[in-house]
C-alpha atoms as a PDB file:
ATOM      1  CA  MET A   1     161.794  63.416  95.820  1.00  0.00           C
ATOM      2  CA  LYS A   2     159.603  61.578  98.325  1.00  0.00           C
ATOM      3  CA  ASN A   3     157.793  64.790  99.191  1.00  0.00           C
ATOM      4  CA  ALA A   4     157.027  65.439  95.529  1.00  0.00           C
ATOM      5  CA  ILE A   5     155.628  61.933  95.073  1.00  0.00           C
ATOM      6  CA  CYS A   6     153.544  62.256  98.255  1.00  0.00           C
ATOM      7  CA  LEU A   7     152.187  65.604  97.068  1.00  0.00           C
ATOM      8  CA  LEU A   8     151.335  64.172  93.645  1.00  0.00           C
ATOM      9  CA  LEU A   9     149.578  61.148  95.164  1.00  0.00           C
ATOM     10  CA  PHE A  10     147.691  63.374  97.587  1.00  0.00           C
ATOM     11  CA  CYS A  11     146.513  65.718  94.800  1.00  0.00           C
ATOM     12  CA  LEU A  12     145.372  62.840  92.614  1.00  0.00           C
ATOM     13  CA  LEU A  13     143.589  61.214  95.526  1.00  0.00           C
ATOM     14  CA  LEU A  14     141.535  64.361  96.101  1.00  0.00           C
ATOM     15  CA  GLN A  15     140.113  64.213  92.584  1.00  0.00           C
ATOM     16  CA  GLY A  16     136.482  63.173  92.546  1.00  0.00           C
ATOM     17  CA  CYS A  17     134.810  60.335  90.694  1.00  0.00           C
ATOM     18  CA  PHE A  18     132.677  62.837  88.801  1.00  0.00           C
ATOM     19  CA  GLY A  19     133.319  64.942  85.724  1.00  0.00           C
ATOM     20  CA  TYR A  20     131.271  67.583  83.957  1.00  0.00           C
ATOM     21  CA  LYS A  21     130.112  67.307  80.341  1.00  0.00           C
ATOM     22  CA  ASN A  22     128.499  69.924  78.116  1.00  0.00           C
ATOM     23  CA  PHE A  23     124.721  70.042  78.349  1.00  0.00           C
ATOM     24  CA  ASP A  24     122.506  71.076  75.429  1.00  0.00           C
ATOM     25  CA  THR A  25     119.642  73.020  76.992  1.00  0.00           C
ATOM     26  CA  LYS A  26     117.665  73.188  73.734  1.00  0.00           C
ATOM     27  CA  ASN A  27     117.280  69.423  73.276  1.00  0.00           C
ATOM     28  CA  LYS A  28     117.224  68.323  76.929  1.00  0.00           C
ATOM     29  CA  SER A  29     115.485  69.469  80.067  1.00  0.00           C
ATOM     30  CA  TYR A  30     116.972  69.990  83.509  1.00  0.00           C
ATOM     31  CA  VAL A  31     116.520  67.229  86.094  1.00  0.00           C
ATOM     32  CA  SER A  32     115.527  68.269  89.606  1.00  0.00           C
ATOM     33  CA  GLY A  33     118.201  67.318  92.143  1.00  0.00           C
ATOM     34  CA  GLN A  34     120.934  67.009  89.499  1.00  0.00           C
ATOM     35  CA  TYR A  35     124.189  68.978  89.847  1.00  0.00           C
ATOM     36  CA  TYR A  36     125.203  71.380  87.083  1.00  0.00           C
ATOM     37  CA  LYS A  37     127.885  73.939  86.363  1.00  0.00           C
ATOM     38  CA  ILE A  38     126.235  77.102  85.041  1.00  0.00           C
ATOM     39  CA  LYS A  39     128.223  79.880  83.385  1.00  0.00           C
ATOM     40  CA  GLN A  40     126.710  83.338  83.631  1.00  0.00           C
ATOM     41  CA  ASP A  41     129.487  85.857  83.136  1.00  0.00           C
ATOM     42  CA  LYS A  42     132.992  84.434  83.032  1.00  0.00           C
ATOM     43  CA  LYS A  43     132.882  81.834  85.806  1.00  0.00           C
ATOM     44  CA  PHE A  44     131.133  78.505  86.180  1.00  0.00           C
ATOM     45  CA  GLU A  45     129.119  77.998  89.375  1.00  0.00           C
ATOM     46  CA  LYS A  46     128.449  74.528  90.781  1.00  0.00           C
ATOM     47  CA  VAL A  47     124.744  74.375  91.613  1.00  0.00           C
ATOM     48  CA  LYS A  48     122.003  71.848  92.368  1.00  0.00           C
ATOM     49  CA  PHE A  49     118.943  72.347  90.186  1.00  0.00           C
ATOM     50  CA  LEU A  50     115.616  72.665  92.021  1.00  0.00           C
ATOM     51  CA  LYS A  51     112.987  73.890  89.533  1.00  0.00           C
ATOM     52  CA  SER A  52     112.395  76.272  86.659  1.00  0.00           C
ATOM     53  CA  ASP A  53     109.728  78.343  85.022  1.00  0.00           C
ATOM     54  CA  SER A  54     109.655  79.957  81.592  1.00  0.00           C
ATOM     55  CA  ALA A  55     112.200  82.669  82.458  1.00  0.00           C
ATOM     56  CA  ASN A  56     114.179  81.548  85.530  1.00  0.00           C
ATOM     57  CA  LEU A  57     116.076  78.642  87.047  1.00  0.00           C
ATOM     58  CA  MET A  58     115.896  78.076  90.791  1.00  0.00           C
ATOM     59  CA  VAL A  59     119.091  76.457  92.050  1.00  0.00           C
ATOM     60  CA  LEU A  60     120.787  75.722  95.347  1.00  0.00           C
ATOM     61  CA  ARG A  61     124.294  77.132  95.805  1.00  0.00           C
ATOM     62  CA  HIS A  62     126.179  76.905  99.110  1.00  0.00           C
ATOM     63  CA  GLY A  63     122.933  75.914 100.848  1.00  0.00           C
ATOM     64  CA  LYS A  64     121.039  78.993  99.667  1.00  0.00           C
ATOM     65  CA  GLU A  65     118.398  79.219  96.970  1.00  0.00           C
ATOM     66  CA  LYS A  66     119.329  81.393  94.021  1.00  0.00           C
ATOM     67  CA  ILE A  67     117.261  82.455  91.020  1.00  0.00           C
ATOM     68  CA  ILE A  68     119.128  82.646  87.708  1.00  0.00           C
ATOM     69  CA  PRO A  69     117.474  84.230  84.654  1.00  0.00           C
ATOM     70  CA  ILE A  70     117.656  81.805  81.726  1.00  0.00           C
ATOM     71  CA  ALA A  71     118.679  84.680  79.444  1.00  0.00           C
ATOM     72  CA  ASP A  72     121.869  85.167  81.499  1.00  0.00           C
ATOM     73  CA  VAL A  73     123.000  81.546  81.157  1.00  0.00           C
ATOM     74  CA  LYS A  74     125.925  81.300  78.706  1.00  0.00           C
ATOM     75  CA  ALA A  75     126.800  77.594  79.090  1.00  0.00           C
ATOM     76  CA  VAL A  76     125.727  74.580  81.131  1.00  0.00           C
ATOM     77  CA  LYS A  77     127.613  71.414  82.073  1.00  0.00           C
ATOM     78  CA  VAL A  78     126.012  68.394  83.744  1.00  0.00           C
ATOM     79  CA  ARG A  79     127.776  66.242  86.348  1.00  0.00           C
ATOM     80  CA  LYS A  80     128.407  62.676  85.227  1.00  0.00           C
ATOM     81  CA  PHE A  81     129.909  59.733  87.094  1.00  0.00           C
ATOM     82  CA  SER A  82     133.281  58.774  85.601  1.00  0.00           C
ATOM     83  CA  VAL A  83     133.921  55.037  85.521  1.00  0.00           C
ATOM     84  CA  VAL A  84     137.474  55.621  84.256  1.00  0.00           C
ATOM     85  CA  LYS A  85     138.439  57.757  87.239  1.00  0.00           C
ATOM     86  CA  THR A  86     136.921  55.293  89.663  1.00  0.00           C
ATOM     87  CA  ALA A  87     138.043  52.008  88.096  1.00  0.00           C
ATOM     88  CA  LEU A  88     141.544  52.946  86.935  1.00  0.00           C
ATOM     89  CA  ILE A  89     142.938  55.898  88.845  1.00  0.00           C
ATOM     90  CA  TYR A  90     142.052  54.929  92.426  1.00  0.00           C
ATOM     91  CA  PRO A  91     143.377  51.336  92.355  1.00  0.00           C
ATOM     92  CA  ALA A  92     146.553  52.601  90.638  1.00  0.00           C
ATOM     93  CA  LEU A  93     146.985  55.281  93.299  1.00  0.00           C
ATOM     94  CA  ILE A  94     146.437  52.791  96.103  1.00  0.00           C
ATOM     95  CA  ALA A  95     148.989  50.410  94.588  1.00  0.00           C
ATOM     96  CA  ALA A  96     151.519  53.225  94.059  1.00  0.00           C
ATOM     97  CA  GLY A  97     150.957  54.507  97.593  1.00  0.00           C
ATOM     98  CA  THR A  98     151.384  51.029  99.058  1.00  0.00           C
ATOM     99  CA  VAL A  99     154.633  50.480  97.152  1.00  0.00           C
ATOM    100  CA  PHE A 100     155.843  53.922  98.183  1.00  0.00           C
ATOM    101  CA  ILE A 101     155.052  53.326 101.859  1.00  0.00           C
ATOM    102  CA  PHE A 102     156.707  49.916 101.990  1.00  0.00           C
ATOM    103  CA  THR A 103     159.818  50.976 100.075  1.00  0.00           C
ATOM    104  CA  GLY A 104     160.060  54.167 102.133  1.00  0.00           C
ATOM    105  CA  LEU A 105     159.802  52.248 105.416  1.00  0.00           C
ATOM    106  CA  SER A 106     162.476  49.710 104.442  1.00  0.00           C
ATOM    107  CA  LEU A 107     165.158  52.364 103.814  1.00  0.00           C
END
């Protein structure tokens, strides 16, 4: 039981403070330096946007520049800071971990 709780706390602790939300490319423009998830075929790729021209997006993926044709982009999600994850989940995890450590040590 303790191992399961430790595993659950560890997995939740590894979650980031950021989430991705859908991005409407027709009404908004890309921001240089912003992180996006871009779907080309069936998978989303996490990339950092560098610049674009009329037909291509230049992004940074795994430290390498990559050119993506705009016609191949199926969906785009933009990275947003999540106040809920930061303000609620982390203090709750710290409190639960502290209680778990102190009750586990007293047994």
